[in-house]
Amino acid sequence: MPTAIDGPRTQTVALLAAIAVLTGTGAIAATGSVPGWEQAIFHAVNGLPDALRVPMWTFQLLGLLLVPALVGIVAAATRRWWLAACLFALIPVKLAAEHLVVKQLVHRERPASSICGLDL
């Protein structure tokens, strides 16, 4: 039985939101310069104690790999096979899209060189 989240209107809104986020972040990165607010966030995060490095790295990996896999497992457990398959396929497709498409279209140095001149 379809729910409200399965509706075409919800899916269209989600797709348009994703396109807007991708376009906005791509436009910011495509300038080649780093805005002041982004530099402030970079310095705030990199100014945190070194003891937080491993937990922050762990959360980054969780968001990248584990969350789609866990949601895929829940989808499979509830017999939403198409959703589960898409979520499991999302991980390598996302990595490939980032590497093969986004990084080729938008070139900007890593923060350590573009913000700090390799001087952290």
N, C-alpha and C. Protein backbone atom coordinates (compact mmCIF):
# COMPACT_ATOMS: atom_id res chain seq x y z
N MET A 1 0.83 -1.17 0.00
CA MET A 1 0.00 0.00 0.00
C MET A 1 0.88 1.24 0.00
N PRO A 2 0.76 2.12 -0.98
CA PRO A 2 1.60 3.32 -1.06
C PRO A 2 1.32 4.27 0.10
N THR A 3 2.37 4.93 0.53
CA THR A 3 2.23 5.94 1.58
C THR A 3 2.51 7.30 0.96
N ALA A 4 2.35 8.35 1.77
CA ALA A 4 2.56 9.71 1.27
C ALA A 4 3.99 9.91 0.77
N ILE A 5 4.94 9.22 1.40
CA ILE A 5 6.34 9.39 1.00
C ILE A 5 6.61 8.74 -0.36
N ASP A 6 5.76 7.84 -0.78
CA ASP A 6 5.93 7.18 -2.07
C ASP A 6 5.34 7.98 -3.22
N GLY A 7 4.61 9.03 -2.91
CA GLY A 7 3.89 9.77 -3.94
C GLY A 7 4.80 10.51 -4.89
N PRO A 8 4.33 10.70 -6.12
CA PRO A 8 5.14 11.40 -7.12
C PRO A 8 5.46 12.85 -6.72
N ARG A 9 4.54 13.49 -6.01
CA ARG A 9 4.80 14.87 -5.60
C ARG A 9 5.98 14.93 -4.62
N THR A 10 6.02 14.04 -3.66
CA THR A 10 7.12 14.00 -2.69
C THR A 10 8.44 13.70 -3.39
N GLN A 11 8.41 12.77 -4.31
CA GLN A 11 9.62 12.40 -5.03
C GLN A 11 10.10 13.55 -5.91
N THR A 12 9.18 14.28 -6.52
CA THR A 12 9.55 15.42 -7.35
C THR A 12 10.18 16.52 -6.50
N VAL A 13 9.58 16.80 -5.34
CA VAL A 13 10.13 17.81 -4.44
C VAL A 13 11.54 17.41 -3.98
N ALA A 14 11.73 16.15 -3.64
CA ALA A 14 13.05 15.67 -3.21
C ALA A 14 14.07 15.81 -4.34
N LEU A 15 13.68 15.45 -5.55
CA LEU A 15 14.58 15.57 -6.69
C LEU A 15 14.95 17.02 -6.96
N LEU A 16 13.96 17.92 -6.91
CA LEU A 16 14.23 19.34 -7.15
C LEU A 16 15.12 19.92 -6.05
N ALA A 17 14.91 19.50 -4.81
CA ALA A 17 15.77 19.96 -3.70
C ALA A 17 17.21 19.48 -3.90
N ALA A 18 17.37 18.23 -4.32
CA ALA A 18 18.71 17.70 -4.56
C ALA A 18 19.40 18.45 -5.69
N ILE A 19 18.67 18.74 -6.75
CA ILE A 19 19.24 19.49 -7.88
C ILE A 19 19.63 20.90 -7.43
N ALA A 20 18.80 21.53 -6.61
CA ALA A 20 19.10 22.88 -6.12
C ALA A 20 20.36 22.88 -5.26
N VAL A 21 20.50 21.89 -4.38
CA VAL A 21 21.69 21.81 -3.53
C VAL A 21 22.94 21.57 -4.39
N LEU A 22 22.85 20.65 -5.32
CA LEU A 22 23.98 20.35 -6.20
C LEU A 22 24.37 21.57 -7.02
N THR A 23 23.39 22.27 -7.56
CA THR A 23 23.66 23.46 -8.37
C THR A 23 24.28 24.57 -7.52
N GLY A 24 23.73 24.79 -6.35
CA GLY A 24 24.25 25.84 -5.46
C GLY A 24 25.66 25.58 -5.00
N THR A 25 25.93 24.37 -4.54
CA THR A 25 27.28 24.05 -4.08
C THR A 25 28.26 24.03 -5.24
N GLY A 26 27.81 23.55 -6.40
CA GLY A 26 28.68 23.56 -7.58
C GLY A 26 29.03 24.97 -8.00
N ALA A 27 28.05 25.88 -7.93
CA ALA A 27 28.30 27.28 -8.30
C ALA A 27 29.30 27.93 -7.35
N ILE A 28 29.19 27.62 -6.06
CA ILE A 28 30.15 28.16 -5.09
C ILE A 28 31.55 27.63 -5.37
N ALA A 29 31.65 26.32 -5.57
CA ALA A 29 32.96 25.71 -5.80
C ALA A 29 33.56 26.11 -7.14
N ALA A 30 32.72 26.35 -8.14
CA ALA A 30 33.21 26.65 -9.49
C ALA A 30 33.91 28.00 -9.58
N THR A 31 33.68 28.87 -8.62
CA THR A 31 34.33 30.18 -8.67
C THR A 31 35.84 30.05 -8.49
N GLY A 32 36.27 28.96 -7.86
CA GLY A 32 37.70 28.75 -7.62
C GLY A 32 38.19 29.46 -6.38
N SER A 33 37.39 30.36 -5.83
CA SER A 33 37.80 31.03 -4.60
C SER A 33 36.95 30.51 -3.45
N VAL A 34 37.43 30.75 -2.26
CA VAL A 34 36.74 30.25 -1.07
C VAL A 34 36.13 31.44 -0.34
N PRO A 35 34.79 31.46 -0.21
CA PRO A 35 34.14 32.58 0.48
C PRO A 35 34.56 32.66 1.95
N GLY A 36 34.44 33.82 2.52
CA GLY A 36 34.83 34.03 3.92
C GLY A 36 34.11 33.12 4.90
N TRP A 37 32.81 32.91 4.70
CA TRP A 37 32.05 32.06 5.62
C TRP A 37 32.57 30.62 5.57
N GLU A 38 33.00 30.16 4.39
CA GLU A 38 33.53 28.79 4.28
C GLU A 38 34.90 28.70 4.95
N GLN A 39 35.70 29.75 4.82
CA GLN A 39 37.00 29.77 5.49
C GLN A 39 36.81 29.74 7.00
N ALA A 40 35.81 30.48 7.49
CA ALA A 40 35.55 30.51 8.94
C ALA A 40 35.16 29.13 9.44
N ILE A 41 34.31 28.43 8.69
CA ILE A 41 33.91 27.07 9.09
C ILE A 41 35.12 26.15 9.06
N PHE A 42 35.93 26.26 8.01
CA PHE A 42 37.13 25.42 7.89
C PHE A 42 38.04 25.61 9.11
N HIS A 43 38.32 26.86 9.46
CA HIS A 43 39.21 27.13 10.59
C HIS A 43 38.58 26.69 11.91
N ALA A 44 37.26 26.86 12.05
CA ALA A 44 36.60 26.43 13.28
C ALA A 44 36.70 24.91 13.45
N VAL A 45 36.45 24.17 12.39
CA VAL A 45 36.51 22.71 12.47
C VAL A 45 37.95 22.25 12.67
N ASN A 46 38.89 22.82 11.93
CA ASN A 46 40.28 22.40 12.03
C ASN A 46 40.96 22.92 13.29
N GLY A 47 40.30 23.84 13.99
CA GLY A 47 40.83 24.33 15.25
C GLY A 47 40.37 23.50 16.45
N LEU A 48 39.54 22.50 16.19
CA LEU A 48 39.07 21.64 17.28
C LEU A 48 40.22 20.77 17.78
N PRO A 49 40.11 20.26 19.00
CA PRO A 49 41.19 19.41 19.54
C PRO A 49 41.45 18.18 18.67
N ASP A 50 42.71 17.77 18.60
CA ASP A 50 43.09 16.61 17.80
C ASP A 50 42.40 15.33 18.25
N ALA A 51 41.97 15.28 19.50
CA ALA A 51 41.29 14.08 20.00
C ALA A 51 39.98 13.82 19.27
N LEU A 52 39.43 14.83 18.62
CA LEU A 52 38.16 14.66 17.90
C LEU A 52 38.36 14.15 16.48
N ARG A 53 39.59 14.02 16.03
CA ARG A 53 39.85 13.63 14.64
C ARG A 53 39.26 12.27 14.30
N VAL A 54 39.51 11.27 15.14
CA VAL A 54 39.01 9.92 14.86
C VAL A 54 37.48 9.86 14.91
N PRO A 55 36.83 10.43 15.94
CA PRO A 55 35.36 10.40 15.92
C PRO A 55 34.76 11.13 14.71
N MET A 56 35.34 12.25 14.31
CA MET A 56 34.80 12.99 13.16
C MET A 56 35.00 12.20 11.88
N TRP A 57 36.14 11.56 11.73
CA TRP A 57 36.42 10.73 10.56
C TRP A 57 35.45 9.55 10.51
N THR A 58 35.17 8.97 11.69
CA THR A 58 34.23 7.86 11.77
C THR A 58 32.84 8.29 11.32
N PHE A 59 32.37 9.43 11.79
CA PHE A 59 31.06 9.92 11.38
C PHE A 59 31.01 10.21 9.89
N GLN A 60 32.11 10.69 9.33
CA GLN A 60 32.16 10.94 7.90
C GLN A 60 31.97 9.63 7.13
N LEU A 61 32.66 8.58 7.55
CA LEU A 61 32.50 7.28 6.90
C LEU A 61 31.11 6.71 7.10
N LEU A 62 30.54 6.92 8.28
CA LEU A 62 29.18 6.43 8.53
C LEU A 62 28.20 7.05 7.54
N GLY A 63 28.33 8.34 7.32
CA GLY A 63 27.43 9.01 6.39
C GLY A 63 27.64 8.56 4.96
N LEU A 64 28.87 8.25 4.63
CA LEU A 64 29.20 7.87 3.26
C LEU A 64 28.82 6.43 2.94
N LEU A 65 29.14 5.51 3.85
CA LEU A 65 28.98 4.09 3.55
C LEU A 65 27.91 3.39 4.37
N LEU A 66 27.91 3.63 5.66
CA LEU A 66 27.08 2.81 6.54
C LEU A 66 25.60 3.18 6.53
N VAL A 67 25.29 4.47 6.50
CA VAL A 67 23.88 4.87 6.55
C VAL A 67 23.09 4.34 5.35
N PRO A 68 23.59 4.50 4.10
CA PRO A 68 22.82 3.91 3.00
C PRO A 68 22.67 2.40 3.13
N ALA A 69 23.71 1.73 3.63
CA ALA A 69 23.63 0.27 3.79
C ALA A 69 22.61 -0.11 4.86
N LEU A 70 22.60 0.61 5.98
CA LEU A 70 21.64 0.31 7.05
C LEU A 70 20.20 0.58 6.60
N VAL A 71 19.99 1.67 5.90
CA VAL A 71 18.64 1.96 5.40
C VAL A 71 18.24 0.92 4.36
N GLY A 72 19.22 0.47 3.56
CA GLY A 72 18.95 -0.60 2.60
C GLY A 72 18.55 -1.90 3.29
N ILE A 73 19.18 -2.21 4.40
CA ILE A 73 18.83 -3.42 5.16
C ILE A 73 17.40 -3.29 5.71
N VAL A 74 17.07 -2.12 6.24
CA VAL A 74 15.70 -1.90 6.74
C VAL A 74 14.70 -2.02 5.60
N ALA A 75 15.03 -1.45 4.45
CA ALA A 75 14.13 -1.54 3.29
C ALA A 75 13.95 -2.99 2.87
N ALA A 76 15.03 -3.77 2.87
CA ALA A 76 14.91 -5.19 2.51
C ALA A 76 14.10 -5.95 3.55
N ALA A 77 14.28 -5.63 4.81
CA ALA A 77 13.53 -6.30 5.88
C ALA A 77 12.04 -6.02 5.78
N THR A 78 11.69 -4.86 5.23
CA THR A 78 10.27 -4.52 5.05
C THR A 78 9.78 -4.85 3.64
N ARG A 79 10.58 -5.63 2.93
CA ARG A 79 10.25 -6.12 1.59
C ARG A 79 10.05 -5.01 0.56
N ARG A 80 10.79 -3.96 0.71
CA ARG A 80 10.79 -2.88 -0.29
C ARG A 80 12.04 -3.09 -1.13
N TRP A 81 11.98 -4.10 -1.97
CA TRP A 81 13.14 -4.59 -2.70
C TRP A 81 13.76 -3.54 -3.62
N TRP A 82 12.93 -2.79 -4.32
CA TRP A 82 13.45 -1.79 -5.26
C TRP A 82 14.24 -0.71 -4.49
N LEU A 83 13.69 -0.25 -3.38
CA LEU A 83 14.37 0.74 -2.55
C LEU A 83 15.68 0.17 -2.00
N ALA A 84 15.65 -1.05 -1.54
CA ALA A 84 16.86 -1.68 -1.00
C ALA A 84 17.94 -1.78 -2.08
N ALA A 85 17.56 -2.22 -3.26
CA ALA A 85 18.53 -2.35 -4.35
C ALA A 85 19.13 -0.99 -4.71
N CYS A 86 18.28 0.03 -4.76
CA CYS A 86 18.77 1.37 -5.08
C CYS A 86 19.73 1.90 -4.02
N LEU A 87 19.42 1.64 -2.77
CA LEU A 87 20.29 2.11 -1.69
C LEU A 87 21.64 1.40 -1.71
N PHE A 88 21.64 0.10 -1.97
CA PHE A 88 22.93 -0.61 -2.04
C PHE A 88 23.73 -0.18 -3.27
N ALA A 89 23.05 0.14 -4.34
CA ALA A 89 23.73 0.62 -5.55
C ALA A 89 24.22 2.05 -5.37
N LEU A 90 23.62 2.78 -4.45
CA LEU A 90 23.96 4.18 -4.24
C LEU A 90 25.42 4.38 -3.85
N ILE A 91 25.96 3.50 -3.06
CA ILE A 91 27.31 3.70 -2.53
C ILE A 91 28.34 3.77 -3.66
N PRO A 92 28.49 2.74 -4.50
CA PRO A 92 29.50 2.85 -5.56
C PRO A 92 29.14 3.88 -6.62
N VAL A 93 27.86 4.07 -6.88
CA VAL A 93 27.44 5.06 -7.89
C VAL A 93 27.79 6.46 -7.41
N LYS A 94 27.56 6.74 -6.13
CA LYS A 94 27.90 8.05 -5.57
C LYS A 94 29.40 8.30 -5.67
N LEU A 95 30.20 7.32 -5.29
CA LEU A 95 31.65 7.48 -5.35
C LEU A 95 32.13 7.69 -6.78
N ALA A 96 31.57 6.93 -7.70
CA ALA A 96 31.95 7.07 -9.11
C ALA A 96 31.53 8.43 -9.66
N ALA A 97 30.32 8.85 -9.33
CA ALA A 97 29.83 10.15 -9.82
C ALA A 97 30.69 11.29 -9.30
N GLU A 98 31.07 11.21 -8.02
CA GLU A 98 31.94 12.25 -7.47
C GLU A 98 33.27 12.28 -8.22
N HIS A 99 33.85 11.12 -8.41
CA HIS A 99 35.19 11.06 -9.01
C HIS A 99 35.17 11.35 -10.51
N LEU A 100 34.24 10.76 -11.21
CA LEU A 100 34.26 10.84 -12.67
C LEU A 100 33.53 12.05 -13.23
N VAL A 101 32.57 12.59 -12.50
CA VAL A 101 31.78 13.69 -13.04
C VAL A 101 32.04 15.00 -12.30
N VAL A 102 31.71 15.04 -11.02
CA VAL A 102 31.76 16.30 -10.28
C VAL A 102 33.18 16.85 -10.22
N LYS A 103 34.15 16.02 -9.89
CA LYS A 103 35.53 16.51 -9.77
C LYS A 103 36.11 16.94 -11.10
N GLN A 104 35.57 16.44 -12.20
CA GLN A 104 36.03 16.87 -13.52
C GLN A 104 35.37 18.19 -13.93
N LEU A 105 34.14 18.41 -13.49
CA LEU A 105 33.42 19.63 -13.85
C LEU A 105 33.82 20.83 -12.99
N VAL A 106 34.07 20.58 -11.71
CA VAL A 106 34.37 21.66 -10.77
C VAL A 106 35.76 21.42 -10.20
N HIS A 107 36.68 22.30 -10.56
CA HIS A 107 38.04 22.16 -10.06
C HIS A 107 38.30 23.22 -9.00
N ARG A 108 38.65 22.75 -7.84
CA ARG A 108 39.06 23.65 -6.77
C ARG A 108 40.04 22.89 -5.90
N GLU A 109 41.09 23.56 -5.48
CA GLU A 109 42.11 22.92 -4.66
C GLU A 109 41.51 22.44 -3.34
N ARG A 110 42.21 21.54 -2.71
CA ARG A 110 41.82 21.07 -1.39
C ARG A 110 41.90 22.24 -0.42
N PRO A 111 41.11 22.23 0.66
CA PRO A 111 41.11 23.36 1.60
C PRO A 111 42.49 23.70 2.17
N ALA A 112 43.31 22.70 2.40
CA ALA A 112 44.62 22.98 2.99
C ALA A 112 45.47 23.86 2.08
N SER A 113 45.28 23.76 0.77
CA SER A 113 46.05 24.63 -0.13
C SER A 113 45.28 25.89 -0.51
N SER A 114 43.97 25.80 -0.69
CA SER A 114 43.22 26.98 -1.12
C SER A 114 42.97 27.97 0.01
N ILE A 115 42.92 27.48 1.25
CA ILE A 115 42.67 28.37 2.38
C ILE A 115 43.95 28.67 3.15
N CYS A 116 44.73 27.64 3.41
CA CYS A 116 45.90 27.79 4.27
C CYS A 116 47.22 27.85 3.54
N GLY A 117 47.21 27.67 2.23
CA GLY A 117 48.47 27.63 1.50
C GLY A 117 49.34 26.49 1.99
N LEU A 118 48.71 25.34 2.29
CA LEU A 118 49.37 24.12 2.80
C LEU A 118 50.01 24.34 4.16
N ASP A 119 49.54 25.34 4.91
CA ASP A 119 50.10 25.62 6.22
C ASP A 119 49.01 25.51 7.28
N LEU A 120 48.76 24.28 7.73
CA LEU A 120 47.76 24.08 8.77
C LEU A 120 48.38 24.32 10.13
